[in-house]
C-alpha atoms as a PDB file:
ATOM      1  CA  TYR A   1     -50.539  35.114 -13.587  1.00  0.00           C
ATOM      2  CA  CYS A   2     -49.248  37.289 -10.753  1.00  0.00           C
ATOM      3  CA  VAL A   3     -48.569  36.505  -7.099  1.00  0.00           C
ATOM      4  CA  ALA A   4     -46.764  38.322  -4.273  1.00  0.00           C
ATOM      5  CA  LEU A   5     -44.621  36.139  -1.996  1.00  0.00           C
ATOM      6  CA  GLN A   6     -43.386  37.435   1.353  1.00  0.00           C
ATOM      7  CA  VAL A   7     -39.928  35.873   1.584  1.00  0.00           C
ATOM      8  CA  ALA A   8     -38.816  37.849   4.644  1.00  0.00           C
ATOM      9  CA  LYS A   9     -40.303  40.274   7.149  1.00  0.00           C
ATOM     10  CA  THR A  10     -39.255  43.294   5.103  1.00  0.00           C
ATOM     11  CA  ARG A  11     -38.999  41.691   1.683  1.00  0.00           C
ATOM     12  CA  THR A  12     -41.711  40.700  -0.797  1.00  0.00           C
ATOM     13  CA  LEU A  13     -41.123  38.951  -4.116  1.00  0.00           C
ATOM     14  CA  LEU A  14     -43.509  39.650  -6.979  1.00  0.00           C
ATOM     15  CA  VAL A  15     -43.796  36.778  -9.455  1.00  0.00           C
ATOM     16  CA  VAL A  16     -45.326  37.595 -12.849  1.00  0.00           C
ATOM     17  CA  VAL A  17     -45.866  34.940 -15.522  1.00  0.00           C
ATOM     18  CA  ILE A  18     -46.774  36.172 -19.009  1.00  0.00           C
ATOM     19  CA  HIS A  19     -47.280  34.000 -22.078  1.00  0.00           C
ATOM     20  CA  HIS A  20     -44.941  34.973 -24.893  1.00  0.00           C
ATOM     21  CA  ALA A  21     -47.898  35.155 -27.294  1.00  0.00           C
ATOM     22  CA  VAL A  22     -49.314  38.234 -25.550  1.00  0.00           C
ATOM     23  CA  ALA A  23     -46.179  40.200 -24.658  1.00  0.00           C
ATOM     24  CA  ASP A  24     -42.899  41.005 -26.385  1.00  0.00           C
ATOM     25  CA  GLY A  25     -39.634  42.015 -24.705  1.00  0.00           C
ATOM     26  CA  TRP A  26     -40.482  45.695 -24.985  1.00  0.00           C
ATOM     27  CA  THR A  27     -43.762  45.080 -23.139  1.00  0.00           C
ATOM     28  CA  VAL A  28     -41.907  43.547 -20.187  1.00  0.00           C
ATOM     29  CA  GLY A  29     -39.981  46.809 -19.818  1.00  0.00           C
ATOM     30  CA  LEU A  30     -43.214  48.818 -19.979  1.00  0.00           C
ATOM     31  CA  LEU A  31     -44.812  46.596 -17.351  1.00  0.00           C
ATOM     32  CA  LEU A  32     -41.868  46.957 -14.964  1.00  0.00           C
ATOM     33  CA  LYS A  33     -41.897  50.725 -15.479  1.00  0.00           C
ATOM     34  CA  GLU A  34     -45.614  50.963 -14.687  1.00  0.00           C
ATOM     35  CA  LEU A  35     -45.272  48.731 -11.638  1.00  0.00           C
ATOM     36  CA  MET A  36     -42.447  50.942 -10.376  1.00  0.00           C
ATOM     37  CA  GLN A  37     -44.484  54.093 -10.936  1.00  0.00           C
ATOM     38  CA  ARG A  38     -47.507  52.669  -9.139  1.00  0.00           C
ATOM     39  CA  THR A  39     -45.349  51.495  -6.238  1.00  0.00           C
ATOM     40  CA  ILE A  40     -43.838  54.967  -5.838  1.00  0.00           C
ATOM     41  CA  THR A  41     -47.341  56.457  -5.976  1.00  0.00           C
ATOM     42  CA  GLN A  42     -48.538  54.136  -3.234  1.00  0.00           C
ATOM     43  CA  ILE A  43     -45.556  54.949  -1.009  1.00  0.00           C
ATOM     44  CA  THR A  44     -45.493  58.712  -1.511  1.00  0.00           C
ATOM     45  CA  GLY A  45     -49.214  59.296  -1.902  1.00  0.00           C
ATOM     46  CA  ALA A  46     -48.607  61.337  -5.032  1.00  0.00           C
ATOM     47  CA  PRO A  47     -51.494  61.507  -7.522  1.00  0.00           C
ATOM     48  CA  GLN A  48     -51.357  58.913 -10.247  1.00  0.00           C
ATOM     49  CA  ALA A  49     -50.962  60.238 -13.761  1.00  0.00           C
ATOM     50  CA  LYS A  50     -53.891  59.435 -16.042  1.00  0.00           C
ATOM     51  CA  SER A  51     -53.384  57.980 -19.483  1.00  0.00           C
ATOM     52  CA  PRO A  52     -54.580  60.227 -22.319  1.00  0.00           C
ATOM     53  CA  SER A  53     -57.899  59.150 -23.818  1.00  0.00           C
ATOM     54  CA  ASP A  54     -56.466  59.154 -27.340  1.00  0.00           C
ATOM     55  CA  LYS A  55     -53.593  56.828 -26.452  1.00  0.00           C
ATOM     56  CA  LEU A  56     -53.089  53.965 -28.906  1.00  0.00           C
ATOM     57  CA  ARG A  57     -54.018  50.504 -27.720  1.00  0.00           C
ATOM     58  CA  PHE A  58     -53.184  47.016 -28.931  1.00  0.00           C
ATOM     59  CA  THR A  59     -56.660  46.733 -30.442  1.00  0.00           C
ATOM     60  CA  ASP A  60     -55.707  49.628 -32.745  1.00  0.00           C
ATOM     61  CA  TYR A  61     -52.715  47.598 -33.929  1.00  0.00           C
ATOM     62  CA  VAL A  62     -54.948  44.581 -34.571  1.00  0.00           C
ATOM     63  CA  GLN A  63     -57.289  46.771 -36.627  1.00  0.00           C
ATOM     64  CA  TRP A  64     -54.317  48.123 -38.583  1.00  0.00           C
ATOM     65  CA  GLN A  65     -53.259  44.556 -39.393  1.00  0.00           C
ATOM     66  CA  LYS A  66     -56.749  43.687 -40.625  1.00  0.00           C
ATOM     67  CA  GLU A  67     -56.761  46.739 -42.872  1.00  0.00           C
ATOM     68  CA  MET A  68     -53.311  45.844 -44.188  1.00  0.00           C
ATOM     69  CA  VAL A  69     -54.453  42.334 -45.122  1.00  0.00           C
ATOM     70  CA  ASP A  70     -57.311  43.822 -47.145  1.00  0.00           C
ATOM     71  CA  GLY A  71     -55.072  46.371 -48.895  1.00  0.00           C
ATOM     72  CA  HIS A  72     -52.949  46.138 -52.035  1.00  0.00           C
ATOM     73  CA  HIS A  73     -49.698  46.535 -50.077  1.00  0.00           C
ATOM     74  CA  PHE A  74     -50.302  43.147 -48.466  1.00  0.00           C
ATOM     75  CA  ALA A  75     -50.468  41.441 -51.859  1.00  0.00           C
ATOM     76  CA  ALA A  76     -47.151  43.016 -52.830  1.00  0.00           C
ATOM     77  CA  LYS A  77     -45.551  41.766 -49.623  1.00  0.00           C
ATOM     78  CA  LEU A  78     -46.882  38.272 -50.229  1.00  0.00           C
ATOM     79  CA  ARG A  79     -45.362  38.309 -53.712  1.00  0.00           C
ATOM     80  CA  HIS A  80     -41.989  39.009 -52.111  1.00  0.00           C
ATOM     81  CA  TRP A  81     -42.278  35.934 -49.882  1.00  0.00           C
ATOM     82  CA  ALA A  82     -43.587  33.754 -52.702  1.00  0.00           C
ATOM     83  CA  ALA A  83     -40.511  34.649 -54.750  1.00  0.00           C
ATOM     84  CA  ALA A  84     -38.079  34.348 -51.827  1.00  0.00           C
ATOM     85  CA  LEU A  85     -39.282  30.863 -50.883  1.00  0.00           C
ATOM     86  CA  GLN A  86     -39.276  29.428 -54.405  1.00  0.00           C
ATOM     87  CA  PRO A  87     -38.647  27.145 -56.201  1.00  0.00           C
ATOM     88  CA  SER A  88     -38.229  24.533 -53.472  1.00  0.00           C
ATOM     89  CA  LEU A  89     -37.753  24.787 -49.741  1.00  0.00           C
ATOM     90  CA  PRO A  90     -34.697  23.196 -48.127  1.00  0.00           C
ATOM     91  CA  VAL A  91     -35.534  20.748 -45.360  1.00  0.00           C
ATOM     92  CA  LEU A  92     -33.161  20.020 -42.488  1.00  0.00           C
ATOM     93  CA  ARG A  93     -32.166  16.399 -42.866  1.00  0.00           C
ATOM     94  CA  ARG A  94     -31.930  15.462 -39.203  1.00  0.00           C
ATOM     95  CA  ALA A  95     -30.903  11.874 -39.950  1.00  0.00           C
ATOM     96  CA  GLN A  96     -27.618  13.148 -41.401  1.00  0.00           C
ATOM     97  CA  ILE A  97     -26.718  15.460 -38.514  1.00  0.00           C
ATOM     98  CA  ARG A  98     -23.516  14.347 -36.881  1.00  0.00           C
ATOM     99  CA  THR A  99     -23.047  14.431 -33.131  1.00  0.00           C
ATOM    100  CA  LEU A 100     -21.571  17.724 -31.965  1.00  0.00           C
ATOM    101  CA  PRO A 101     -19.684  16.665 -28.819  1.00  0.00           C
ATOM    102  CA  ARG A 102     -18.503  20.031 -27.509  1.00  0.00           C
ATOM    103  CA  GLY A 103     -20.933  21.484 -24.999  1.00  0.00           C
ATOM    104  CA  GLU A 104     -23.701  19.037 -25.924  1.00  0.00           C
ATOM    105  CA  ASN A 105     -25.795  17.489 -23.173  1.00  0.00           C
ATOM    106  CA  ALA A 106     -28.055  14.445 -23.020  1.00  0.00           C
ATOM    107  CA  THR A 107     -31.078  16.385 -24.311  1.00  0.00           C
ATOM    108  CA  GLY A 108     -29.320  17.336 -27.540  1.00  0.00           C
ATOM    109  CA  LEU A 109     -29.113  20.996 -26.595  1.00  0.00           C
ATOM    110  CA  ALA A 110     -25.798  22.812 -26.931  1.00  0.00           C
ATOM    111  CA  GLU A 111     -24.870  25.813 -24.817  1.00  0.00           C
ATOM    112  CA  VAL A 112     -22.518  28.362 -26.357  1.00  0.00           C
ATOM    113  CA  VAL A 113     -20.946  31.013 -24.143  1.00  0.00           C
ATOM    114  CA  ILE A 114     -19.587  34.115 -25.868  1.00  0.00           C
ATOM    115  CA  THR A 115     -16.952  35.924 -23.845  1.00  0.00           C
ATOM    116  CA  ALA A 116     -16.628  39.706 -23.544  1.00  0.00           C
ATOM    117  CA  ALA A 117     -13.488  39.612 -25.690  1.00  0.00           C
ATOM    118  CA  GLU A 118     -15.345  37.694 -28.399  1.00  0.00           C
ATOM    119  CA  VAL A 119     -18.187  40.216 -28.307  1.00  0.00           C
ATOM    120  CA  ILE A 120     -15.670  42.984 -29.003  1.00  0.00           C
ATOM    121  CA  VAL A 121     -14.348  41.038 -31.991  1.00  0.00           C
ATOM    122  CA  LEU A 122     -17.887  40.415 -33.284  1.00  0.00           C
ATOM    123  CA  LYS A 123     -18.796  44.094 -33.027  1.00  0.00           C
ATOM    124  CA  SER A 124     -15.614  45.066 -34.841  1.00  0.00           C
ATOM    125  CA  LEU A 125     -16.280  42.529 -37.601  1.00  0.00           C
ATOM    126  CA  ALA A 126     -19.890  43.699 -37.919  1.00  0.00           C
ATOM    127  CA  ARG A 127     -18.737  47.305 -38.401  1.00  0.00           C
ATOM    128  CA  GLN A 128     -16.125  46.205 -40.925  1.00  0.00           C
ATOM    129  CA  TRP A 129     -18.668  44.230 -42.963  1.00  0.00           C
ATOM    130  CA  ARG A 130     -21.420  46.871 -42.492  1.00  0.00           C
ATOM    131  CA  THR A 131     -23.881  44.527 -40.807  1.00  0.00           C
ATOM    132  CA  SER A 132     -25.027  43.657 -37.279  1.00  0.00           C
ATOM    133  CA  VAL A 133     -23.859  41.187 -34.658  1.00  0.00           C
ATOM    134  CA  ASN A 134     -27.270  39.544 -34.935  1.00  0.00           C
ATOM    135  CA  ILE A 135     -26.627  38.792 -38.617  1.00  0.00           C
ATOM    136  CA  LEU A 136     -23.192  37.334 -37.817  1.00  0.00           C
ATOM    137  CA  LEU A 137     -24.624  35.025 -35.147  1.00  0.00           C
ATOM    138  CA  LEU A 138     -27.511  33.959 -37.376  1.00  0.00           C
ATOM    139  CA  ALA A 139     -25.063  33.140 -40.171  1.00  0.00           C
ATOM    140  CA  ALA A 140     -22.857  31.152 -37.793  1.00  0.00           C
ATOM    141  CA  TYR A 141     -25.860  29.239 -36.447  1.00  0.00           C
ATOM    142  CA  ALA A 142     -27.013  28.300 -39.945  1.00  0.00           C
ATOM    143  CA  ASP A 143     -23.486  27.398 -41.025  1.00  0.00           C
ATOM    144  CA  VAL A 144     -23.097  24.944 -38.154  1.00  0.00           C
ATOM    145  CA  LEU A 145     -26.393  23.262 -39.032  1.00  0.00           C
ATOM    146  CA  CYS A 146     -25.525  23.188 -42.740  1.00  0.00           C
ATOM    147  CA  ARG A 147     -22.172  21.563 -42.048  1.00  0.00           C
ATOM    148  CA  ALA A 148     -23.716  19.048 -39.659  1.00  0.00           C
ATOM    149  CA  SER A 149     -26.433  18.064 -42.142  1.00  0.00           C
ATOM    150  CA  ASN A 150     -24.267  18.447 -45.271  1.00  0.00           C
ATOM    151  CA  GLN A 151     -26.615  20.999 -46.861  1.00  0.00           C
ATOM    152  CA  ASP A 152     -25.971  24.246 -48.743  1.00  0.00           C
ATOM    153  CA  GLU A 153     -28.830  26.259 -47.213  1.00  0.00           C
ATOM    154  CA  LEU A 154     -31.516  26.087 -44.557  1.00  0.00           C
ATOM    155  CA  LEU A 155     -34.811  27.690 -43.643  1.00  0.00           C
ATOM    156  CA  VAL A 156     -34.613  29.586 -40.367  1.00  0.00           C
ATOM    157  CA  GLN A 157     -37.545  31.281 -38.656  1.00  0.00           C
ATOM    158  CA  VAL A 158     -36.561  34.605 -37.113  1.00  0.00           C
ATOM    159  CA  PRO A 159     -38.761  36.832 -34.922  1.00  0.00           C
ATOM    160  CA  ALA A 160     -38.858  40.514 -35.845  1.00  0.00           C
ATOM    161  CA  ALA A 161     -40.271  43.521 -33.992  1.00  0.00           C
ATOM    162  CA  ASN A 162     -43.118  45.176 -35.874  1.00  0.00           C
ATOM    163  CA  ARG A 163     -44.012  48.151 -33.706  1.00  0.00           C
ATOM    164  CA  GLN A 164     -45.529  51.003 -35.655  1.00  0.00           C
ATOM    165  CA  PRO A 165     -44.959  54.720 -34.862  1.00  0.00           C
ATOM    166  CA  GLY A 166     -46.812  55.678 -31.690  1.00  0.00           C
ATOM    167  CA  THR A 167     -46.837  52.173 -30.165  1.00  0.00           C
ATOM    168  CA  GLN A 168     -43.746  52.624 -27.986  1.00  0.00           C
ATOM    169  CA  ASP A 169     -45.962  52.871 -24.871  1.00  0.00           C
ATOM    170  CA  VAL A 170     -48.430  50.128 -25.835  1.00  0.00           C
ATOM    171  CA  MET A 171     -48.301  46.695 -24.204  1.00  0.00           C
ATOM    172  CA  GLY A 172     -48.761  43.663 -26.416  1.00  0.00           C
ATOM    173  CA  CYS A 173     -46.991  41.295 -28.763  1.00  0.00           C
ATOM    174  CA  PHE A 174     -45.721  43.319 -31.718  1.00  0.00           C
ATOM    175  CA  VAL A 175     -43.756  40.468 -33.248  1.00  0.00           C
ATOM    176  CA  GLU A 176     -43.888  38.868 -36.681  1.00  0.00           C
ATOM    177  CA  ASN A 177     -41.959  35.843 -37.901  1.00  0.00           C
ATOM    178  CA  MET A 178     -39.727  35.837 -40.957  1.00  0.00           C
ATOM    179  CA  LEU A 179     -38.915  32.600 -42.750  1.00  0.00           C
ATOM    180  CA  LEU A 180     -35.450  33.080 -44.233  1.00  0.00           C
ATOM    181  CA  ARG A 181     -33.305  31.050 -46.599  1.00  0.00           C
ATOM    182  CA  VAL A 182     -29.884  31.136 -44.990  1.00  0.00           C
ATOM    183  CA  PRO A 183     -26.897  29.900 -47.050  1.00  0.00           C
ATOM    184  CA  ARG A 184     -23.875  27.969 -45.853  1.00  0.00           C
ATOM    185  CA  GLY A 185     -20.981  30.228 -44.878  1.00  0.00           C
ATOM    186  CA  SER A 186     -18.330  28.618 -47.086  1.00  0.00           C
ATOM    187  CA  PRO A 187     -16.383  29.003 -49.283  1.00  0.00           C
ATOM    188  CA  SER A 188     -16.744  32.769 -48.710  1.00  0.00           C
ATOM    189  CA  PRO A 189     -18.108  33.781 -45.281  1.00  0.00           C
ATOM    190  CA  ARG A 190     -18.276  37.445 -46.253  1.00  0.00           C
ATOM    191  CA  THR A 191     -20.346  36.689 -49.357  1.00  0.00           C
ATOM    192  CA  ALA A 192     -22.735  34.634 -47.237  1.00  0.00           C
ATOM    193  CA  ILE A 193     -22.977  37.433 -44.674  1.00  0.00           C
ATOM    194  CA  GLU A 194     -23.732  40.029 -47.347  1.00  0.00           C
ATOM    195  CA  ALA A 195     -26.408  37.788 -48.870  1.00  0.00           C
ATOM    196  CA  LEU A 196     -27.989  37.157 -45.466  1.00  0.00           C
ATOM    197  CA  HIS A 197     -27.903  40.878 -44.639  1.00  0.00           C
ATOM    198  CA  ALA A 198     -29.819  41.646 -47.844  1.00  0.00           C
ATOM    199  CA  THR A 199     -32.276  38.808 -47.154  1.00  0.00           C
ATOM    200  CA  VAL A 200     -33.046  40.081 -43.642  1.00  0.00           C
ATOM    201  CA  ARG A 201     -33.337  43.691 -44.831  1.00  0.00           C
ATOM    202  CA  ASN A 202     -35.817  42.749 -47.560  1.00  0.00           C
ATOM    203  CA  GLY A 203     -37.720  40.558 -45.111  1.00  0.00           C
ATOM    204  CA  LEU A 204     -38.101  43.432 -42.646  1.00  0.00           C
ATOM    205  CA  ARG A 205     -39.451  45.631 -45.437  1.00  0.00           C
ATOM    206  CA  ASN A 206     -42.087  43.021 -46.233  1.00  0.00           C
ATOM    207  CA  LEU A 207     -43.231  41.844 -42.801  1.00  0.00           C
ATOM    208  CA  VAL A 208     -46.641  40.174 -42.844  1.00  0.00           C
ATOM    209  CA  PRO A 209     -48.525  38.093 -40.265  1.00  0.00           C
ATOM    210  CA  LEU A 210     -47.318  34.555 -40.969  1.00  0.00           C
END
């Protein structure tokens, strides 16, 4: 959905609504870039560059996925997930979750604001433990839920980019979901972080359409 709204005599607001199932974050950047290029072309009258005929399209990615499902590599990836999600799956026991008063609103959602100083600390800790800030935040998120529900581990669904070489200029949703077993952070937070880092790394190596 796209509509142009004239909010002032010399100002127009372009509103674009895209469903998350058809576009990833990278695609939004590509769309803005193309809109900017087309706007400049309209203003300057410069000729518009044509896309090469052999340029990859999202349909090529879909075909690649179909071929992967029919290949032996897909079976190997499925074996990884079958082993990772066995023997039993932990279920979040919502009835046991205690009220988390700080920052919680009436809808049950909690907003957490990370300051610039805290970001610096997180980046330093991530370098020290040879991981990423994303892993640290994921571990903290799971640890809070584990403590609130009195569980030792949880299943957390994490989106992961799955763009193949040559798709950096292709619009579409190149995202797969990983279902990860995330342990509680205590008694050793570093051990939990290292285990989660390995879990995410192995999951990225075995991405499949779930």
